[in-house]
């Protein structure tokens, strides 16, 4: 009888120890869960911030740069130019710069003033604030550079791929020049070939724009 009772007591003790141990384990688990949640939330936020920072750095990094020698000419109906980006399908992406006279309505009075840019940019439909954001006074003689940050006209980053940068200049009245160069965004730095197409009889007025170079930066 005593032996049976001792066995039962022993089994009860072992069961009690198991219950106590399991209870302590449960308490520990319940204590750790909030900490694990906090760690998980912290890791999630840190990962999101890292991704956002990487995207911001890529967007802020220049994608391409166009540089040229500008010589301001005397007389009227000259010194107008624009720099803009299109995709490989000829769809407008963004204007980097356009001279103020043309952008502010001069194209209505003088239809030969950088007409390709006027058409491609959809200038007729742009608001005053949109126009003000891309225009500036005609610069002085010197080396000019315009940089594309890899975004479209809405400020959103564009996808890697094939693009074209344009520089159009109205040299004098109907005498025009249109420079273009391919941009392969996302394929690393390069110096693409720049081509030029003249229309009219520019003559000496060709000096207005010269030594055009383009660099793809990423």
C-alpha atoms as a PDB file:
ATOM      1  CA  UNK A   1       0.000   0.000   0.000  1.00  0.00           C
ATOM      2  CA  UNK A   2       2.734   2.348   0.969  1.00  0.00           C
ATOM      3  CA  UNK A   3       4.629   1.408  -2.175  1.00  0.00           C
ATOM      4  CA  UNK A   4       1.631   2.212  -4.322  1.00  0.00           C
ATOM      5  CA  UNK A   5       1.112   5.472  -2.496  1.00  0.00           C
ATOM      6  CA  UNK A   6       4.766   6.358  -2.938  1.00  0.00           C
ATOM      7  CA  UNK A   7       4.556   5.662  -6.639  1.00  0.00           C
ATOM      8  CA  UNK A   8       1.502   7.857  -6.963  1.00  0.00           C
ATOM      9  CA  UNK A   9       3.166  10.621  -4.952  1.00  0.00           C
ATOM     10  CA  UNK A  10       6.281  10.391  -7.092  1.00  0.00           C
ATOM     11  CA  UNK A  11       4.251  10.574 -10.268  1.00  0.00           C
ATOM     12  CA  UNK A  12       2.343  13.525  -8.888  1.00  0.00           C
ATOM     13  CA  UNK A  13       5.567  15.349  -8.081  1.00  0.00           C
ATOM     14  CA  UNK A  14       6.911  14.755 -11.551  1.00  0.00           C
ATOM     15  CA  UNK A  15       3.647  15.988 -13.042  1.00  0.00           C
ATOM     16  CA  UNK A  16       3.758  19.043 -10.812  1.00  0.00           C
ATOM     17  CA  UNK A  17       7.307  19.798 -11.895  1.00  0.00           C
ATOM     18  CA  UNK A  18       6.256  19.514 -15.551  1.00  0.00           C
ATOM     19  CA  UNK A  19       3.295  21.809 -15.003  1.00  0.00           C
ATOM     20  CA  UNK A  20       5.434  24.309 -13.119  1.00  0.00           C
ATOM     21  CA  UNK A  21       8.139  24.202 -15.772  1.00  0.00           C
ATOM     22  CA  UNK A  22       5.607  24.533 -18.570  1.00  0.00           C
ATOM     23  CA  UNK A  23       3.971  27.425 -16.757  1.00  0.00           C
ATOM     24  CA  UNK A  24       7.295  29.168 -16.369  1.00  0.00           C
ATOM     25  CA  UNK A  25       8.036  28.550 -20.029  1.00  0.00           C
ATOM     26  CA  UNK A  26       4.660  29.985 -20.963  1.00  0.00           C
ATOM     27  CA  UNK A  27       5.317  33.037 -18.817  1.00  0.00           C
ATOM     28  CA  UNK A  28       8.673  33.510 -20.497  1.00  0.00           C
ATOM     29  CA  UNK A  29       7.089  33.170 -23.937  1.00  0.00           C
ATOM     30  CA  UNK A  30       4.337  35.640 -23.059  1.00  0.00           C
ATOM     31  CA  UNK A  31       7.028  38.024 -21.806  1.00  0.00           C
ATOM     32  CA  UNK A  32       9.130  37.649 -24.949  1.00  0.00           C
ATOM     33  CA  UNK A  33       6.298  38.059 -27.469  1.00  0.00           C
ATOM     34  CA  UNK A  34       5.960  41.871 -27.050  1.00  0.00           C
ATOM     35  CA  UNK A  35       9.724  42.212 -27.364  1.00  0.00           C
ATOM     36  CA  UNK A  36       9.713  40.111 -30.535  1.00  0.00           C
ATOM     37  CA  UNK A  37       6.920  42.264 -31.947  1.00  0.00           C
ATOM     38  CA  UNK A  38       8.949  45.377 -31.266  1.00  0.00           C
ATOM     39  CA  UNK A  39      12.017  43.836 -32.900  1.00  0.00           C
ATOM     40  CA  UNK A  40       9.965  42.799 -35.942  1.00  0.00           C
ATOM     41  CA  UNK A  41       8.457  46.279 -36.287  1.00  0.00           C
ATOM     42  CA  UNK A  42      11.903  47.863 -35.931  1.00  0.00           C
ATOM     43  CA  UNK A  43      13.402  45.609 -38.618  1.00  0.00           C
ATOM     44  CA  UNK A  44      10.452  46.314 -40.926  1.00  0.00           C
ATOM     45  CA  UNK A  45      10.807  50.086 -40.511  1.00  0.00           C
ATOM     46  CA  UNK A  46      14.585  49.929 -40.940  1.00  0.00           C
ATOM     47  CA  UNK A  47      14.219  47.905 -44.154  1.00  0.00           C
ATOM     48  CA  UNK A  48      11.628  50.327 -45.531  1.00  0.00           C
ATOM     49  CA  UNK A  49      13.822  53.329 -44.737  1.00  0.00           C
ATOM     50  CA  UNK A  50      16.800  51.660 -46.413  1.00  0.00           C
ATOM     51  CA  UNK A  51      14.789  51.012 -49.576  1.00  0.00           C
ATOM     52  CA  UNK A  52      13.392  54.563 -49.594  1.00  0.00           C
ATOM     53  CA  UNK A  53      16.875  56.013 -49.113  1.00  0.00           C
ATOM     54  CA  UNK A  54      18.278  53.898 -51.946  1.00  0.00           C
ATOM     55  CA  UNK A  55      15.476  55.012 -54.270  1.00  0.00           C
ATOM     56  CA  UNK A  56      15.978  58.648 -53.297  1.00  0.00           C
ATOM     57  CA  UNK A  57      19.705  58.441 -53.951  1.00  0.00           C
ATOM     58  CA  UNK A  58      19.106  56.931 -57.376  1.00  0.00           C
ATOM     59  CA  UNK A  59      16.539  59.614 -58.247  1.00  0.00           C
ATOM     60  CA  UNK A  60      18.786  62.445 -57.049  1.00  0.00           C
ATOM     61  CA  UNK A  61      21.756  61.116 -59.024  1.00  0.00           C
ATOM     62  CA  UNK A  62      22.091  62.808 -62.401  1.00  0.00           C
ATOM     63  CA  UNK A  63      21.159  60.608 -65.357  1.00  0.00           C
ATOM     64  CA  UNK A  64      22.536  62.650 -68.245  1.00  0.00           C
ATOM     65  CA  UNK A  65      24.151  65.990 -68.971  1.00  0.00           C
ATOM     66  CA  UNK A  66      24.208  68.138 -72.119  1.00  0.00           C
ATOM     67  CA  UNK A  67      26.873  70.844 -72.485  1.00  0.00           C
ATOM     68  CA  UNK A  68      27.479  73.364 -75.261  1.00  0.00           C
ATOM     69  CA  UNK A  69      29.079  76.662 -76.125  1.00  0.00           C
ATOM     70  CA  UNK A  70      26.450  79.399 -76.408  1.00  0.00           C
ATOM     71  CA  UNK A  71      27.206  82.622 -78.236  1.00  0.00           C
ATOM     72  CA  UNK A  72      24.541  85.255 -77.816  1.00  0.00           C
ATOM     73  CA  UNK A  73      23.851  86.928 -81.156  1.00  0.00           C
ATOM     74  CA  UNK A  74      22.870  90.520 -81.763  1.00  0.00           C
ATOM     75  CA  UNK A  75      19.652  91.451 -83.538  1.00  0.00           C
ATOM     76  CA  UNK A  76      16.158  90.023 -83.326  1.00  0.00           C
ATOM     77  CA  UNK A  77      14.531  86.612 -83.917  1.00  0.00           C
ATOM     78  CA  UNK A  78      17.482  84.730 -82.474  1.00  0.00           C
ATOM     79  CA  UNK A  79      18.953  83.288 -79.271  1.00  0.00           C
ATOM     80  CA  UNK A  80      16.028  80.949 -78.593  1.00  0.00           C
ATOM     81  CA  UNK A  81      16.648  77.343 -77.578  1.00  0.00           C
ATOM     82  CA  UNK A  82      15.236  74.450 -75.584  1.00  0.00           C
ATOM     83  CA  UNK A  83      16.575  71.228 -74.105  1.00  0.00           C
ATOM     84  CA  UNK A  84      14.246  68.290 -73.481  1.00  0.00           C
ATOM     85  CA  UNK A  85      13.958  64.504 -73.177  1.00  0.00           C
ATOM     86  CA  UNK A  86      11.856  62.016 -75.149  1.00  0.00           C
ATOM     87  CA  UNK A  87      11.615  58.255 -74.910  1.00  0.00           C
ATOM     88  CA  UNK A  88      12.614  55.935 -77.747  1.00  0.00           C
ATOM     89  CA  UNK A  89       9.075  56.088 -79.154  1.00  0.00           C
ATOM     90  CA  UNK A  90       9.170  59.866 -79.518  1.00  0.00           C
ATOM     91  CA  UNK A  91       6.970  60.525 -76.493  1.00  0.00           C
ATOM     92  CA  UNK A  92       7.718  63.650 -74.504  1.00  0.00           C
ATOM     93  CA  UNK A  93       9.274  63.076 -71.067  1.00  0.00           C
ATOM     94  CA  UNK A  94      10.560  66.351 -69.632  1.00  0.00           C
ATOM     95  CA  UNK A  95      11.901  69.798 -70.491  1.00  0.00           C
ATOM     96  CA  UNK A  96      15.201  70.775 -68.905  1.00  0.00           C
ATOM     97  CA  UNK A  97      15.185  74.366 -70.130  1.00  0.00           C
ATOM     98  CA  UNK A  98      13.487  76.682 -72.617  1.00  0.00           C
ATOM     99  CA  UNK A  99      14.103  80.370 -73.235  1.00  0.00           C
ATOM    100  CA  UNK A 100      11.511  82.581 -71.615  1.00  0.00           C
ATOM    101  CA  UNK A 101      10.455  84.590 -74.662  1.00  0.00           C
ATOM    102  CA  UNK A 102       9.235  81.555 -76.576  1.00  0.00           C
ATOM    103  CA  UNK A 103       7.748  79.734 -73.583  1.00  0.00           C
ATOM    104  CA  UNK A 104       5.835  82.812 -72.412  1.00  0.00           C
ATOM    105  CA  UNK A 105       3.918  83.156 -75.657  1.00  0.00           C
ATOM    106  CA  UNK A 106       6.560  84.267 -78.146  1.00  0.00           C
ATOM    107  CA  UNK A 107       5.825  81.136 -80.177  1.00  0.00           C
ATOM    108  CA  UNK A 108       2.391  82.573 -80.982  1.00  0.00           C
ATOM    109  CA  UNK A 109       3.902  85.752 -82.406  1.00  0.00           C
ATOM    110  CA  UNK A 110       6.816  83.992 -84.059  1.00  0.00           C
ATOM    111  CA  UNK A 111       5.892  80.483 -85.186  1.00  0.00           C
ATOM    112  CA  UNK A 112       9.473  79.717 -86.217  1.00  0.00           C
ATOM    113  CA  UNK A 113      10.722  80.045 -82.635  1.00  0.00           C
ATOM    114  CA  UNK A 114      11.903  76.539 -81.529  1.00  0.00           C
ATOM    115  CA  UNK A 115       8.812  74.952 -83.130  1.00  0.00           C
ATOM    116  CA  UNK A 116       9.765  71.308 -82.523  1.00  0.00           C
ATOM    117  CA  UNK A 117       9.957  71.824 -78.764  1.00  0.00           C
ATOM    118  CA  UNK A 118       6.718  73.838 -78.751  1.00  0.00           C
ATOM    119  CA  UNK A 119       4.922  70.940 -80.418  1.00  0.00           C
ATOM    120  CA  UNK A 120       6.537  68.075 -78.493  1.00  0.00           C
ATOM    121  CA  UNK A 121       6.170  69.663 -75.056  1.00  0.00           C
ATOM    122  CA  UNK A 122       2.477  70.395 -75.512  1.00  0.00           C
ATOM    123  CA  UNK A 123       3.238  73.978 -74.536  1.00  0.00           C
ATOM    124  CA  UNK A 124      -0.213  75.191 -75.515  1.00  0.00           C
ATOM    125  CA  UNK A 125      -1.734  73.090 -72.701  1.00  0.00           C
ATOM    126  CA  UNK A 126       0.747  73.921 -69.936  1.00  0.00           C
ATOM    127  CA  UNK A 127      -0.265  76.072 -66.980  1.00  0.00           C
ATOM    128  CA  UNK A 128       1.565  79.241 -65.984  1.00  0.00           C
ATOM    129  CA  UNK A 129       3.255  77.495 -63.035  1.00  0.00           C
ATOM    130  CA  UNK A 130       4.395  74.625 -65.263  1.00  0.00           C
ATOM    131  CA  UNK A 131       5.875  77.064 -67.768  1.00  0.00           C
ATOM    132  CA  UNK A 132       7.619  79.094 -65.076  1.00  0.00           C
ATOM    133  CA  UNK A 133       9.231  75.901 -63.734  1.00  0.00           C
ATOM    134  CA  UNK A 134      11.062  75.156 -66.978  1.00  0.00           C
ATOM    135  CA  UNK A 135      11.931  78.592 -68.379  1.00  0.00           C
ATOM    136  CA  UNK A 136      14.592  81.170 -67.743  1.00  0.00           C
ATOM    137  CA  UNK A 137      16.034  84.344 -69.187  1.00  0.00           C
ATOM    138  CA  UNK A 138      18.263  84.021 -72.248  1.00  0.00           C
ATOM    139  CA  UNK A 139      21.747  83.342 -70.839  1.00  0.00           C
ATOM    140  CA  UNK A 140      24.897  85.256 -71.604  1.00  0.00           C
ATOM    141  CA  UNK A 141      27.631  83.968 -73.848  1.00  0.00           C
ATOM    142  CA  UNK A 142      29.477  81.041 -72.297  1.00  0.00           C
ATOM    143  CA  UNK A 143      29.475  77.297 -71.700  1.00  0.00           C
ATOM    144  CA  UNK A 144      26.051  76.037 -70.631  1.00  0.00           C
ATOM    145  CA  UNK A 145      25.150  72.688 -69.045  1.00  0.00           C
ATOM    146  CA  UNK A 146      21.752  71.124 -68.461  1.00  0.00           C
ATOM    147  CA  UNK A 147      21.301  68.000 -66.369  1.00  0.00           C
ATOM    148  CA  UNK A 148      18.527  65.428 -66.439  1.00  0.00           C
ATOM    149  CA  UNK A 149      17.812  63.694 -63.142  1.00  0.00           C
ATOM    150  CA  UNK A 150      16.032  60.703 -64.668  1.00  0.00           C
ATOM    151  CA  UNK A 151      12.499  61.879 -63.868  1.00  0.00           C
ATOM    152  CA  UNK A 152       9.543  62.866 -66.042  1.00  0.00           C
ATOM    153  CA  UNK A 153       7.614  66.138 -66.069  1.00  0.00           C
ATOM    154  CA  UNK A 154       5.682  65.025 -62.962  1.00  0.00           C
ATOM    155  CA  UNK A 155       8.861  64.346 -60.997  1.00  0.00           C
ATOM    156  CA  UNK A 156       8.498  60.557 -61.061  1.00  0.00           C
ATOM    157  CA  UNK A 157      11.542  58.399 -61.803  1.00  0.00           C
ATOM    158  CA  UNK A 158      11.443  56.843 -65.270  1.00  0.00           C
ATOM    159  CA  UNK A 159      12.323  53.232 -66.014  1.00  0.00           C
ATOM    160  CA  UNK A 160      15.779  52.274 -67.315  1.00  0.00           C
ATOM    161  CA  UNK A 161      15.870  52.096 -71.087  1.00  0.00           C
ATOM    162  CA  UNK A 162      16.332  54.085 -74.283  1.00  0.00           C
ATOM    163  CA  UNK A 163      15.795  57.865 -74.316  1.00  0.00           C
ATOM    164  CA  UNK A 164      16.828  60.800 -76.489  1.00  0.00           C
ATOM    165  CA  UNK A 165      18.016  64.230 -75.393  1.00  0.00           C
ATOM    166  CA  UNK A 166      17.312  67.143 -77.737  1.00  0.00           C
ATOM    167  CA  UNK A 167      18.697  70.641 -78.112  1.00  0.00           C
ATOM    168  CA  UNK A 168      16.800  72.852 -80.546  1.00  0.00           C
ATOM    169  CA  UNK A 169      17.942  76.346 -81.419  1.00  0.00           C
ATOM    170  CA  UNK A 170      16.368  79.120 -83.460  1.00  0.00           C
ATOM    171  CA  UNK A 171      19.445  80.744 -84.947  1.00  0.00           C
ATOM    172  CA  UNK A 172      17.660  83.489 -86.877  1.00  0.00           C
ATOM    173  CA  UNK A 173      14.029  83.563 -88.005  1.00  0.00           C
ATOM    174  CA  UNK A 174      13.342  80.280 -89.835  1.00  0.00           C
ATOM    175  CA  UNK A 175      16.961  79.102 -89.598  1.00  0.00           C
ATOM    176  CA  UNK A 176      17.037  76.255 -87.080  1.00  0.00           C
ATOM    177  CA  UNK A 177      19.303  73.569 -85.670  1.00  0.00           C
ATOM    178  CA  UNK A 178      18.241  70.378 -83.910  1.00  0.00           C
ATOM    179  CA  UNK A 179      20.808  68.338 -81.973  1.00  0.00           C
ATOM    180  CA  UNK A 180      20.010  64.889 -80.608  1.00  0.00           C
ATOM    181  CA  UNK A 181      21.811  62.093 -78.786  1.00  0.00           C
ATOM    182  CA  UNK A 182      20.676  58.685 -77.470  1.00  0.00           C
ATOM    183  CA  UNK A 183      20.620  58.024 -73.731  1.00  0.00           C
ATOM    184  CA  UNK A 184      20.738  54.447 -72.487  1.00  0.00           C
ATOM    185  CA  UNK A 185      19.593  54.900 -68.935  1.00  0.00           C
ATOM    186  CA  UNK A 186      20.733  52.198 -66.562  1.00  0.00           C
ATOM    187  CA  UNK A 187      23.635  50.955 -68.688  1.00  0.00           C
ATOM    188  CA  UNK A 188      26.394  52.993 -67.077  1.00  0.00           C
ATOM    189  CA  UNK A 189      28.349  56.092 -68.029  1.00  0.00           C
ATOM    190  CA  UNK A 190      28.995  56.806 -71.694  1.00  0.00           C
ATOM    191  CA  UNK A 191      29.549  59.586 -74.230  1.00  0.00           C
ATOM    192  CA  UNK A 192      26.943  59.066 -76.978  1.00  0.00           C
ATOM    193  CA  UNK A 193      27.398  60.575 -80.423  1.00  0.00           C
ATOM    194  CA  UNK A 194      25.542  63.840 -81.002  1.00  0.00           C
ATOM    195  CA  UNK A 195      24.006  64.521 -84.426  1.00  0.00           C
ATOM    196  CA  UNK A 196      22.908  67.907 -85.782  1.00  0.00           C
ATOM    197  CA  UNK A 197      20.307  68.794 -88.393  1.00  0.00           C
ATOM    198  CA  UNK A 198      20.150  72.321 -89.838  1.00  0.00           C
ATOM    199  CA  UNK A 199      17.266  73.885 -91.688  1.00  0.00           C
ATOM    200  CA  UNK A 200      17.311  77.165 -93.584  1.00  0.00           C
ATOM    201  CA  UNK A 201      20.454  79.134 -94.342  1.00  0.00           C
ATOM    202  CA  UNK A 202      22.042  79.700 -90.950  1.00  0.00           C
ATOM    203  CA  UNK A 203      25.384  80.979 -92.223  1.00  0.00           C
ATOM    204  CA  UNK A 204      27.383  82.766 -89.553  1.00  0.00           C
ATOM    205  CA  UNK A 205      24.509  82.392 -87.089  1.00  0.00           C
ATOM    206  CA  UNK A 206      25.544  78.764 -86.579  1.00  0.00           C
ATOM    207  CA  UNK A 207      27.972  80.140 -84.021  1.00  0.00           C
ATOM    208  CA  UNK A 208      25.073  80.547 -81.618  1.00  0.00           C
ATOM    209  CA  UNK A 209      25.347  76.891 -80.571  1.00  0.00           C
ATOM    210  CA  UNK A 210      28.483  74.803 -80.893  1.00  0.00           C
ATOM    211  CA  UNK A 211      30.623  72.080 -79.318  1.00  0.00           C
ATOM    212  CA  UNK A 212      27.612  70.102 -78.110  1.00  0.00           C
ATOM    213  CA  UNK A 213      28.451  67.086 -75.956  1.00  0.00           C
ATOM    214  CA  UNK A 214      26.264  64.639 -74.034  1.00  0.00           C
ATOM    215  CA  UNK A 215      27.213  62.349 -71.159  1.00  0.00           C
ATOM    216  CA  UNK A 216      25.114  59.518 -69.830  1.00  0.00           C
ATOM    217  CA  UNK A 217      25.938  59.274 -66.125  1.00  0.00           C
ATOM    218  CA  UNK A 218      24.147  56.081 -64.993  1.00  0.00           C
END
